[in-house]
Protein backbone atom coordinates (compact mmCIF):
# COMPACT_ATOMS: atom_id res chain seq x y z
CA MET A 1 62.52 281.05 -58.47
CA ILE A 2 62.83 278.36 -61.13
CA PHE A 3 61.41 279.01 -64.58
CA SER A 4 61.13 275.63 -66.26
CA CYS A 5 59.26 273.68 -68.91
CA LYS A 6 57.71 271.28 -66.43
CA ASN A 7 54.22 272.77 -66.57
CA HIS A 8 54.35 274.09 -70.12
CA LYS A 9 54.15 271.03 -72.35
CA GLN A 10 52.41 272.86 -75.18
CA ASN A 11 54.41 276.09 -75.05
CA ASN A 12 58.18 275.74 -75.02
CA GLN A 13 60.00 278.45 -73.09
CA TYR A 14 62.60 280.62 -74.74
CA LEU A 15 66.05 282.00 -74.01
CA ILE A 16 67.16 285.43 -75.16
CA LYS A 17 70.22 285.35 -77.42
CA ASN A 18 71.68 288.56 -76.07
CA LYS A 19 70.77 291.65 -74.11
CA SER A 20 70.62 293.96 -77.13
CA SER A 21 68.06 291.85 -78.96
CA ALA A 22 65.36 290.79 -76.53
CA SER A 23 63.06 289.65 -79.32
CA GLU A 24 65.52 287.08 -80.70
CA VAL A 25 64.99 283.73 -79.07
CA ILE A 26 66.37 280.21 -79.05
CA LYS A 27 63.96 277.37 -78.40
CA LYS A 28 64.95 274.92 -75.71
CA ASN A 29 63.06 271.71 -75.11
CA ASP A 30 64.11 271.33 -71.50
CA PHE A 31 66.00 273.78 -69.34
CA LYS A 32 65.84 275.62 -66.03
CA LEU A 33 66.91 279.10 -65.10
CA THR A 34 68.29 280.27 -61.82
CA ALA A 35 66.43 283.11 -60.12
CA LYS A 36 69.14 285.52 -61.25
CA GLU A 37 68.93 284.35 -64.88
CA GLU A 38 65.15 284.54 -64.85
CA ASN A 39 65.19 288.08 -63.51
CA LYS A 40 67.70 289.17 -66.15
CA LEU A 41 65.67 287.58 -68.95
CA ILE A 42 62.46 289.30 -67.85
CA ASN A 43 64.12 292.66 -67.25
CA ASP A 44 65.66 292.59 -70.73
CA ILE A 45 62.25 292.01 -72.31
CA VAL A 46 60.59 294.68 -70.18
CA LYS A 47 63.26 297.22 -71.14
CA SER A 48 62.40 296.58 -74.80
CA ILE A 49 58.83 297.80 -74.19
CA ASN A 50 58.48 301.40 -75.35
CA LEU A 51 56.27 303.22 -72.84
CA LYS A 52 56.15 306.20 -75.22
CA ASP A 53 54.67 304.32 -78.19
CA SER A 54 50.94 304.84 -78.74
CA SER A 55 50.56 302.31 -81.57
CA VAL A 56 48.66 299.06 -81.06
CA PRO A 57 51.28 296.30 -81.49
CA LYS A 58 51.11 293.94 -84.43
CA GLY A 59 49.87 290.46 -83.71
CA PRO A 60 52.48 288.07 -82.25
CA LYS A 61 54.24 285.25 -84.07
CA SER A 62 52.53 281.86 -84.10
CA ASP A 63 55.22 280.39 -81.83
CA ALA A 64 55.22 283.30 -79.37
CA SER A 65 56.44 282.38 -75.90
CA LYS A 66 54.64 283.22 -72.68
CA LEU A 67 57.04 286.11 -72.08
CA GLU A 68 56.43 287.47 -75.57
CA LEU A 69 52.68 287.29 -74.94
CA TYR A 70 53.13 289.17 -71.66
CA LYS A 71 55.03 291.81 -73.62
CA LEU A 72 52.21 292.05 -76.17
CA ALA A 73 49.60 292.34 -73.41
CA TRP A 74 51.38 295.25 -71.77
CA GLU A 75 52.02 296.97 -75.11
CA GLN A 76 48.28 296.74 -75.84
CA PHE A 77 47.53 298.10 -72.37
CA ILE A 78 49.83 301.06 -73.04
CA ALA A 79 48.32 301.82 -76.46
CA LEU A 80 44.69 301.49 -75.38
CA ASN A 81 45.20 303.55 -72.22
CA TRP A 82 46.83 306.36 -74.15
CA PRO A 83 44.96 309.70 -73.90
CA VAL A 84 42.63 310.07 -76.86
CA ALA A 85 42.59 312.91 -79.39
CA ASN A 86 39.92 315.64 -79.31
CA THR A 87 36.60 313.78 -79.48
CA ASN A 88 34.61 316.94 -80.22
CA THR A 89 35.84 316.47 -83.77
CA SER A 90 34.46 313.60 -85.86
CA GLY A 91 36.94 310.94 -86.88
CA ASN A 92 38.95 311.07 -83.66
CA ARG A 93 37.39 308.15 -81.83
CA ALA A 94 40.16 305.81 -80.64
CA LYS A 95 42.91 308.01 -82.09
CA PRO A 96 45.78 308.62 -79.66
CA ASN A 97 46.60 312.17 -78.68
CA ALA A 98 49.66 313.33 -80.59
CA SER A 99 50.69 315.94 -78.04
CA SER A 100 54.00 315.26 -76.32
CA ASP A 101 52.55 316.26 -72.95
CA SER A 102 49.56 313.92 -73.21
CA THR A 103 50.87 310.37 -73.13
CA PHE A 104 50.44 307.07 -71.29
CA LEU A 105 53.02 308.20 -68.74
CA SER A 106 51.29 311.54 -68.17
CA VAL A 107 48.12 309.96 -66.72
CA THR A 108 48.51 310.94 -63.07
CA PRO A 109 46.15 311.67 -60.14
CA ASN A 110 45.93 315.30 -61.24
CA LYS A 111 45.57 314.55 -64.95
CA LEU A 112 43.09 311.83 -65.88
CA PRO A 113 42.14 312.22 -69.56
CA THR A 114 39.81 309.99 -71.56
CA THR A 115 41.67 306.94 -72.90
CA VAL A 116 41.66 305.44 -76.39
CA TRP A 117 39.65 302.35 -75.42
CA SER A 118 37.06 304.47 -73.61
CA THR A 119 36.05 305.91 -76.98
CA TYR A 120 35.38 302.51 -78.51
CA ALA A 121 31.70 302.00 -79.30
CA SER A 122 29.50 301.06 -76.35
CA LYS A 123 27.02 298.23 -76.86
CA ALA A 124 24.16 300.74 -76.40
CA GLU A 125 25.47 302.70 -79.40
CA VAL A 126 25.45 299.58 -81.56
CA PHE A 127 22.74 297.15 -80.47
CA ASN A 128 19.66 299.34 -80.16
CA HIS A 129 16.24 299.85 -81.72
CA GLN A 130 17.66 302.41 -84.17
CA SER A 131 20.72 300.39 -85.12
CA SER A 132 19.67 299.91 -88.75
CA ASN A 133 21.22 303.32 -89.39
CA LEU A 134 24.63 302.99 -87.77
CA PRO A 135 26.82 305.92 -88.83
CA ALA A 136 30.24 305.24 -90.29
CA TRP A 137 32.98 305.16 -87.67
CA ASN A 138 34.66 308.32 -88.95
CA LEU A 139 31.44 310.28 -88.34
CA LEU A 140 31.24 309.42 -84.65
CA LYS A 141 31.81 312.15 -82.07
CA LYS A 142 30.46 311.97 -78.52
CA PRO A 143 28.34 308.85 -77.89
CA VAL A 144 24.58 308.72 -78.37
CA TYR A 145 23.09 305.93 -76.25
CA GLN A 146 19.80 304.42 -77.35
CA TYR A 147 17.63 302.15 -75.21
CA THR A 148 14.13 300.95 -76.02
CA TYR A 149 13.00 302.57 -72.76
CA GLN A 150 15.18 305.64 -72.59
CA PRO A 151 16.23 306.76 -69.07
CA SER A 152 15.91 310.36 -67.93
CA SER A 153 18.33 312.47 -65.90
CA LEU A 154 18.37 312.35 -62.11
CA LYS A 155 19.74 315.90 -61.93
CA GLU A 156 19.57 318.68 -64.49
CA SER A 157 23.37 318.86 -64.58
CA ASP A 158 23.81 315.16 -65.44
CA GLU A 159 25.35 314.44 -68.85
CA PHE A 160 24.24 311.54 -71.04
CA ASN A 161 27.11 311.55 -73.53
CA LEU A 162 29.99 310.45 -71.30
CA PHE A 163 32.21 307.77 -72.82
CA ASN A 164 32.14 305.39 -69.84
CA ASN A 165 28.57 304.10 -69.74
CA LEU A 166 28.25 301.57 -66.88
CA ASP A 167 25.04 299.86 -67.95
CA GLU A 168 25.81 296.35 -66.62
CA ASN A 169 25.51 295.47 -62.92
CA ASN A 170 26.45 291.79 -62.86
CA GLU A 171 28.87 289.14 -64.14
CA ILE A 172 26.91 287.75 -67.12
CA GLY A 173 24.09 286.71 -64.80
CA GLU A 174 26.34 284.79 -62.40
CA ALA A 175 26.98 287.22 -59.56
CA VAL A 176 26.56 290.74 -58.23
CA VAL A 177 29.89 292.01 -56.88
CA PHE A 178 30.82 294.60 -54.27
CA GLY A 179 34.16 296.07 -53.27
CA GLY A 180 35.74 298.67 -51.05
CA ALA A 181 36.99 298.00 -47.53
CA GLY A 182 34.80 294.91 -47.38
CA LYS A 183 31.70 296.97 -46.76
CA GLY A 184 29.43 294.97 -49.07
CA ASN A 185 26.99 297.86 -49.29
CA ILE A 186 24.00 296.34 -51.03
CA SER A 187 22.45 299.76 -51.71
CA GLY A 188 24.94 300.13 -54.54
CA GLY A 189 27.49 302.60 -53.23
CA ASP A 190 30.27 300.03 -53.53
CA GLN A 191 28.75 297.85 -56.21
CA ILE A 192 31.08 297.04 -59.10
CA LEU A 193 29.60 298.06 -62.45
CA TYR A 194 30.62 297.12 -65.98
CA GLU A 195 30.69 298.29 -69.57
CA ALA A 196 31.34 296.47 -72.85
CA LYS A 197 32.86 298.06 -75.96
CA ILE A 198 34.05 297.20 -79.47
CA ASN A 199 36.73 298.81 -81.61
CA GLU A 200 36.48 300.28 -85.11
CA THR A 201 37.32 297.00 -86.87
CA GLU A 202 34.49 295.08 -85.21
CA TYR A 203 32.07 298.01 -85.44
CA SER A 204 32.66 298.43 -89.18
CA TYR A 205 32.30 294.67 -89.74
CA LEU A 206 28.93 294.60 -87.96
CA ARG A 207 27.77 297.68 -89.86
CA ALA A 208 28.82 296.25 -93.23
CA TYR A 209 26.65 293.15 -92.82
CA ASN A 210 23.86 294.62 -90.63
CA LEU A 211 24.86 292.28 -87.80
CA GLN A 212 23.97 294.90 -85.21
CA ASN A 213 20.40 293.86 -86.04
CA ALA A 214 19.30 291.05 -83.71
CA ASP A 215 17.36 289.15 -86.39
CA THR A 216 20.21 289.27 -88.89
CA ALA A 217 22.74 288.27 -86.23
CA SER A 218 20.53 285.39 -85.07
CA ASN A 219 20.11 284.03 -88.60
CA TRP A 220 23.83 284.28 -89.32
CA ALA A 221 24.67 282.65 -85.98
CA LYS A 222 22.47 279.65 -86.75
CA ASN A 223 24.21 279.26 -90.08
CA THR A 224 27.62 279.72 -88.47
CA VAL A 225 27.03 276.84 -86.05
CA LYS A 226 26.59 274.52 -89.02
CA LYS A 227 29.88 275.66 -90.57
CA LEU A 228 32.13 276.01 -87.53
CA ASN A 229 34.46 273.25 -88.69
CA ALA A 230 35.26 275.31 -91.78
CA PHE A 231 35.31 278.82 -90.36
CA GLY A 232 35.74 278.49 -86.58
CA GLY A 233 39.04 279.96 -85.41
CA THR A 234 39.99 281.31 -88.83
CA CYS A 235 40.62 284.68 -90.48
CA LEU A 236 38.40 283.94 -93.48
CA SER A 237 36.17 286.91 -92.75
CA GLU A 238 35.23 287.92 -96.31
CA GLU A 239 34.77 284.36 -97.56
CA ALA A 240 32.63 283.53 -94.53
CA ALA A 241 30.43 286.59 -95.04
CA LYS A 242 29.53 285.38 -98.53
CA GLN A 243 28.00 282.34 -96.82
CA GLU A 244 26.42 284.44 -94.04
CA VAL A 245 28.85 283.08 -91.46
CA ILE A 246 30.07 285.29 -88.61
CA CYS A 247 33.87 285.55 -88.63
CA PHE A 248 35.47 288.74 -87.31
CA PRO A 249 38.51 290.21 -89.09
CA CYS A 250 41.95 289.35 -87.75
CA ALA A 251 44.76 291.79 -87.09
CA ASP A 252 47.11 292.14 -90.04
CA GLU A 253 49.36 294.79 -91.53
CA ASN A 254 46.37 297.00 -92.35
CA ASN A 255 44.18 296.84 -89.25
CA GLU A 256 44.35 296.00 -85.56
CA GLY A 257 41.78 293.20 -85.76
CA ALA A 258 38.54 292.86 -83.82
CA ILE A 259 38.91 294.01 -80.21
CA GLU A 260 36.37 293.83 -77.41
CA ILE A 261 36.70 295.49 -74.01
CA LYS A 262 35.06 294.65 -70.71
CA ALA A 263 35.79 297.19 -67.97
CA ALA A 264 34.91 297.04 -64.27
CA TRP A 265 34.50 300.19 -62.19
CA ARG A 266 33.77 301.00 -58.55
CA LYS A 267 32.90 304.10 -56.59
CA LEU A 268 35.86 304.69 -54.32
CA ASN A 269 35.49 305.50 -50.64
CA ASP A 270 37.53 307.36 -48.04
CA SER A 271 39.58 304.27 -47.15
CA ASP A 272 40.77 303.84 -50.76
CA LYS A 273 44.05 305.34 -51.94
CA LYS A 274 42.41 307.31 -54.73
CA GLU A 275 45.70 308.62 -56.08
CA ARG A 276 46.46 305.06 -57.23
CA TYR A 277 43.37 304.73 -59.48
CA TYR A 278 42.39 305.81 -62.98
CA ILE A 279 39.21 307.77 -62.18
CA GLN A 280 36.58 309.08 -64.57
CA LYS A 281 33.19 310.73 -64.41
CA VAL A 282 30.89 307.93 -65.56
CA LEU A 283 27.24 307.20 -66.29
CA VAL A 284 25.42 305.06 -63.72
CA TYR A 285 21.74 304.24 -63.42
CA LYS A 286 19.34 304.22 -60.48
CA LYS A 287 15.80 303.00 -60.01
CA VAL A 288 13.57 305.82 -58.75
CA GLY A 289 10.08 304.48 -58.23
CA ASP A 290 9.23 302.75 -61.49
CA LYS A 291 11.60 304.97 -63.50
CA VAL A 292 15.22 304.48 -64.51
CA LYS A 293 17.35 307.59 -64.03
CA TYR A 294 20.90 308.28 -65.16
CA THR A 295 23.38 310.27 -63.14
CA ASN A 296 27.10 311.08 -63.15
CA GLN A 297 29.57 309.93 -60.51
CA ASP A 298 33.32 309.54 -60.21
CA TYR A 299 34.37 305.87 -60.36
CA GLY A 300 37.74 304.14 -60.28
CA LEU A 301 38.81 301.52 -62.83
CA VAL A 302 39.32 298.17 -61.06
CA GLY A 303 39.45 295.63 -63.92
CA LEU A 304 40.02 295.53 -67.67
CA HIS A 305 39.55 292.69 -70.17
CA ILE A 306 41.09 293.09 -73.63
CA ILE A 307 40.35 290.38 -76.19
CA ARG A 308 41.74 290.60 -79.71
CA LYS A 309 41.61 288.47 -82.83
CA THR A 310 44.94 288.17 -84.64
CA LYS A 311 46.24 286.35 -87.70
CA ASN A 312 48.24 283.78 -85.76
CA PHE A 313 45.74 283.48 -82.90
CA PRO A 314 42.29 283.57 -84.54
CA THR A 315 40.58 282.17 -81.42
CA PHE A 316 41.44 285.56 -79.88
CA ILE A 317 44.14 286.52 -77.42
CA PHE A 318 42.64 287.07 -73.98
CA THR A 319 44.44 289.45 -71.63
CA THR A 320 43.09 290.73 -68.33
CA PHE A 321 44.26 293.37 -65.84
CA ASN A 322 43.32 294.17 -62.24
CA HIS A 323 44.00 296.99 -59.87
CA VAL A 324 46.60 295.82 -57.36
CA ASP A 325 44.47 296.93 -54.38
CA ASN A 326 41.39 294.88 -55.29
CA LEU A 327 41.85 292.02 -52.84
CA ASP A 328 43.10 294.21 -50.00
CA SER A 329 40.10 296.51 -50.34
CA GLY A 330 37.74 293.54 -50.06
CA ILE A 331 35.59 291.91 -52.75
CA TYR A 332 32.25 290.31 -52.01
CA TYR A 333 29.76 288.62 -54.29
CA ASN A 334 26.20 287.68 -53.55
CA ASN A 335 25.99 283.89 -53.42
CA SER A 336 23.26 281.38 -54.38
CA ILE A 337 21.72 283.03 -57.41
CA ALA A 338 18.80 280.90 -58.57
CA LEU A 339 16.24 281.08 -61.33
CA GLU A 340 12.72 280.10 -60.33
CA GLU A 341 10.63 278.49 -63.06
CA ALA A 342 7.68 276.12 -63.22
CA LYS A 343 10.01 273.12 -63.56
CA GLY A 344 11.84 274.05 -60.37
CA PRO A 345 14.88 276.10 -59.38
CA TYR A 346 18.06 275.79 -61.41
CA TYR A 347 21.20 276.88 -59.63
CA GLN A 348 24.61 277.87 -60.84
CA TYR A 349 26.66 274.69 -60.92
CA TYR A 350 29.02 275.52 -58.05
CA LYS A 351 26.31 277.01 -55.84
CA ASN A 352 27.28 274.99 -52.77
CA LYS A 353 31.04 275.18 -53.31
CA THR A 354 32.92 278.27 -52.25
CA GLU A 355 36.58 278.87 -51.60
CA ASN A 356 37.82 279.20 -48.04
CA GLY A 357 37.16 282.66 -46.66
CA LYS A 358 35.10 284.67 -44.27
CA THR A 359 31.41 285.23 -44.88
CA LYS A 360 29.49 288.37 -44.13
CA GLN A 361 25.79 288.96 -43.57
CA VAL A 362 24.29 291.50 -45.95
CA PRO A 363 20.66 292.53 -46.44
CA ASP A 364 18.52 290.54 -48.84
CA LEU A 365 18.43 291.92 -52.35
CA THR A 366 14.95 293.01 -53.37
CA TYR A 367 12.90 290.18 -54.81
CA ASP A 368 10.10 291.21 -57.14
CA THR A 369 7.06 288.95 -56.70
CA ASN A 370 6.27 289.33 -60.39
CA ASN A 371 9.43 287.30 -61.10
CA GLN A 372 11.16 290.22 -62.78
CA TYR A 373 14.27 289.71 -60.70
CA ILE A 374 16.35 286.84 -59.44
CA LYS A 375 15.81 285.50 -55.94
CA THR A 376 19.07 285.58 -54.01
CA GLY A 377 20.42 284.46 -50.68
CA ASN A 378 21.74 286.82 -48.03
CA ILE A 379 25.31 285.56 -47.67
CA ALA A 380 28.10 287.44 -49.38
CA VAL A 381 31.26 285.40 -49.83
CA LYS A 382 34.50 287.24 -49.38
CA THR A 383 37.11 286.62 -52.03
CA GLN A 384 40.30 286.54 -49.96
CA GLU A 385 42.73 285.34 -52.59
CA GLU A 386 42.94 284.04 -56.10
CA ILE A 387 42.09 280.37 -56.61
CA HIS A 388 44.75 280.34 -59.32
CA LYS A 389 47.58 282.68 -58.49
CA ILE A 390 49.45 284.81 -61.01
CA PRO A 391 52.30 282.69 -62.47
CA SER A 392 55.61 283.47 -60.78
CA GLY A 393 57.23 284.54 -64.05
CA LEU A 394 54.40 286.99 -64.69
CA GLU A 395 54.66 288.40 -61.16
CA LEU A 396 58.29 289.24 -61.90
CA PHE A 397 57.29 290.69 -65.27
CA ASN A 398 54.61 292.89 -63.68
CA THR A 399 56.98 294.14 -61.00
CA ALA A 400 59.61 295.01 -63.60
CA ILE A 401 57.26 297.01 -65.83
CA GLN A 402 55.55 298.71 -62.89
CA LYS A 403 58.98 299.94 -61.81
CA GLN A 404 59.63 301.25 -65.34
CA ILE A 405 56.27 303.06 -65.44
CA LYS A 406 57.02 304.69 -62.10
CA LYS A 407 60.58 305.57 -63.08
CA GLN A 408 59.67 307.11 -66.43
CA SER A 409 56.55 309.03 -65.35
CA LYS A 410 56.76 312.62 -64.17
CA ASN A 411 57.04 312.77 -60.38
CA ASN A 412 56.91 308.95 -60.39
CA ASN A 413 53.13 309.06 -59.92
CA SER A 414 51.53 307.45 -62.98
CA VAL A 415 48.33 305.68 -61.93
CA TRP A 416 49.13 302.82 -64.34
CA GLN A 417 51.91 301.52 -62.06
CA TYR A 418 49.11 300.19 -59.83
CA TYR A 419 47.61 297.84 -62.40
CA GLU A 420 48.78 294.28 -63.03
CA LEU A 421 48.43 291.67 -65.76
CA LEU A 422 46.81 288.47 -64.45
CA GLY A 423 47.59 286.29 -67.44
CA VAL A 424 47.25 285.67 -71.16
CA GLN A 425 45.40 282.97 -73.09
CA ALA A 426 46.27 282.57 -76.76
CA VAL A 427 46.35 278.83 -77.51
CA PRO A 428 43.26 276.64 -76.92
CA VAL A 429 44.09 273.85 -74.44
CA ASP A 430 41.90 270.86 -73.63
CA LEU A 431 40.80 270.08 -70.08
CA LYS A 432 42.89 266.89 -69.99
CA ASP A 433 45.98 269.06 -70.54
CA ALA A 434 44.99 271.83 -68.13
CA ASP A 435 48.08 271.29 -65.97
CA SER A 436 50.26 272.20 -68.95
CA ASP A 437 49.01 275.80 -69.00
CA ASP A 438 49.35 278.01 -65.93
CA SER A 439 46.65 280.32 -67.34
CA TYR A 440 44.11 277.62 -68.19
CA TYR A 441 41.69 278.98 -65.56
CA LEU A 442 42.46 282.65 -66.27
CA ALA A 443 39.96 284.89 -64.45
CA ASN A 444 39.71 288.45 -63.23
CA ASN A 445 38.78 288.92 -59.57
CA VAL A 446 36.24 291.67 -60.29
CA ILE A 447 34.92 290.40 -63.64
CA GLU A 448 34.87 286.64 -62.93
CA THR A 449 34.48 286.65 -59.16
CA ASP A 450 32.28 283.74 -58.14
CA TYR A 451 33.43 280.14 -58.01
CA THR A 452 31.76 279.17 -61.29
CA LEU A 453 33.63 281.75 -63.33
CA ARG A 454 36.94 281.48 -61.47
CA ARG A 455 37.04 277.72 -62.09
CA PHE A 456 35.34 277.81 -65.47
CA THR A 457 35.80 275.04 -68.01
CA GLY A 458 33.57 273.49 -70.66
CA ALA A 459 30.10 274.96 -70.37
CA PHE A 460 27.66 276.56 -67.98
CA ALA A 461 25.47 274.02 -66.21
CA ASN A 462 22.30 273.22 -68.10
CA LYS A 463 18.87 272.72 -66.56
CA THR A 464 19.84 269.32 -65.18
CA GLY A 465 22.36 271.09 -62.95
CA ILE A 466 25.06 268.75 -64.26
CA LEU A 467 28.24 270.14 -65.78
CA LEU A 468 29.08 268.10 -68.86
CA HIS A 469 32.42 267.86 -70.62
CA PHE A 470 31.87 270.24 -73.51
CA SER A 471 34.19 271.18 -76.35
CA ASN A 472 33.73 274.93 -76.36
CA VAL A 473 36.50 276.11 -78.71
CA ASN A 474 36.67 275.08 -82.36
CA LYS A 475 39.75 275.89 -84.42
CA LYS A 476 39.36 274.65 -87.99
CA GLY A 477 37.48 271.58 -86.81
CA LYS A 478 39.76 270.79 -83.88
CA LYS A 479 37.67 271.02 -80.73
CA VAL A 480 38.83 271.38 -77.14
CA SER A 481 37.24 272.00 -73.74
CA MET A 482 39.00 275.22 -72.81
CA GLY A 483 38.89 276.94 -69.43
CA GLY A 484 38.97 280.49 -68.14
CA CYS A 485 38.20 283.53 -70.27
CA MET A 486 38.66 281.78 -73.62
CA GLY A 487 36.55 278.82 -72.52
CA CYS A 488 33.77 281.07 -71.32
CA HIS A 489 33.77 283.05 -74.58
CA GLY A 490 34.06 279.73 -76.41
CA ASN A 491 30.43 279.16 -75.49
CA ALA A 492 29.63 282.21 -77.62
CA GLN A 493 31.66 280.72 -80.47
CA ALA A 494 29.74 277.46 -80.12
CA GLY A 495 26.58 279.55 -80.43
CA GLY A 496 27.81 280.98 -83.73
CA ASN A 497 28.99 284.40 -82.51
CA ASP A 498 32.80 284.16 -82.87
CA PHE A 499 33.58 284.48 -79.15
CA SER A 500 31.37 287.56 -78.65
CA PHE A 501 28.61 287.70 -76.03
CA LEU A 502 27.33 290.96 -77.52
CA LEU A 503 25.83 289.75 -80.81
CA GLY A 504 22.15 288.93 -80.98
CA ASP A 505 21.48 290.59 -77.63
CA GLY A 506 19.77 293.72 -78.95
CA PRO A 507 17.92 295.85 -79.02
CA ILE A 508 18.91 296.63 -75.43
CA LYS A 509 15.72 297.57 -73.62
CA MET A 510 17.21 299.44 -70.67
CA PRO A 511 20.42 299.75 -68.67
CA ASP A 512 21.00 297.79 -65.47
CA THR A 513 20.55 299.81 -62.31
CA LEU A 514 22.45 299.95 -59.02
CA GLY A 515 21.44 297.57 -56.26
CA VAL A 516 19.33 295.27 -58.44
CA PRO A 517 20.24 291.60 -59.06
CA PRO A 518 20.63 290.13 -62.56
CA ASP A 519 17.35 289.95 -64.43
CA VAL A 520 15.83 286.72 -65.69
CA LYS A 521 17.01 287.44 -69.23
CA ALA A 522 20.66 287.42 -68.12
CA ILE A 523 20.30 284.04 -66.40
CA LYS A 524 18.30 282.51 -69.24
CA LYS A 525 20.99 283.56 -71.70
CA ILE A 526 23.50 281.46 -69.78
CA LEU A 527 21.17 278.48 -69.37
CA LYS A 528 20.18 278.30 -73.03
CA MET A 529 23.81 278.03 -74.17
CA ASN A 530 23.55 274.33 -73.50
């Protein structure tokens, strides 16, 4: 394979000076590597990654290369998937376990402890009707989830304080997704569910300024929109707060910066190789009559977004991981989601465009005649392959680190060897320069599954159904129309929420339930962004 500058106009590639110092680099404006040289370069960098280090890495240099960003992404993955300390004691949320026999490499099919990121604060802990009294982070123990309409247990033995609370059933209103041997079971057995979390830095920031309150967040967001040219894509958190402008803290020497997590989970079936998955007992919700019930089930992790704000990349660094078996196991999403209103139906922009692939008949999703739910079609589109494949250099990087994880883990059976990095976005790139960045359309196949999200750029279609060229990312007044994860979250920045879709969304009335399409609120949230 050739690793060249041809498609990387904005990010020069780097050569390693010598094997013993993989972090030292020499910039080259134009060069090519042979396949052998490329493999050596990548292997040297991978060998410099310490799989036994539980610390969240410092933010990267401003001129970090793609390979250095891949290294950062994997180091974050290692730190955040480290087993957590005893959470029965207050102050241990997100603290790595210090025991030598409880490490990243010790997470195996027979030992699946709670991870650091799993103990981040769930949105239902933060954005709820009692959120005016958020406890300090160091007082948190097991989670207490608060919904306006509190669910009850399905079985007496069900626990409501599990860390993985899967209270989202769709991709931000765009699609309902199913996986597992291509079964497309609409009843929910194979439905992919989601959770969103924030770390201590973001939690403490929200608490300090009462931004967990929807009214406060809304007022600040409106003010932020007016001052984006001054504070957008900056680390001026304290100065911005004095002017009631939302600007999350960046990573520096004293803190890890604001981090948000989006995780995708699926109930595994008999055809899945369960020993290859990180599995946890999770909270899921079911509709029983007119009641919402919670219950506990074992689910496997199939996708993980990690976004982080750093000093040199204040428009966040977006990294996303998949399970390597996702595509082989079959992924389906329900197509043709439409919102019915008096002015007529408004469809997702790419409704009639789908990638090549087989289709499969599935039962209609329930449509509530009181317009409480979205009317959907009955065709599920199979996602056979990525529209934008993993860059060749990253494929080599993934293979190299997966081999290291296997080699260094006891009995060579760490579950983490079966996860892969899909890409990294750190620098905003405009649509006209999309070909210069092989991760411009970065998407996760179980978190951004449908055509709209996998080809995202600019903005979501407005009520005219026309996708307009929209500058969605603002860095100190410089605006670009970014694609992929950053571009999607850029719509939240344009709305005054510093790349977060969580602010201003509370109090959360109730969790999403299995087998139910996105509610009208989810779709309207997307439509009103324009």
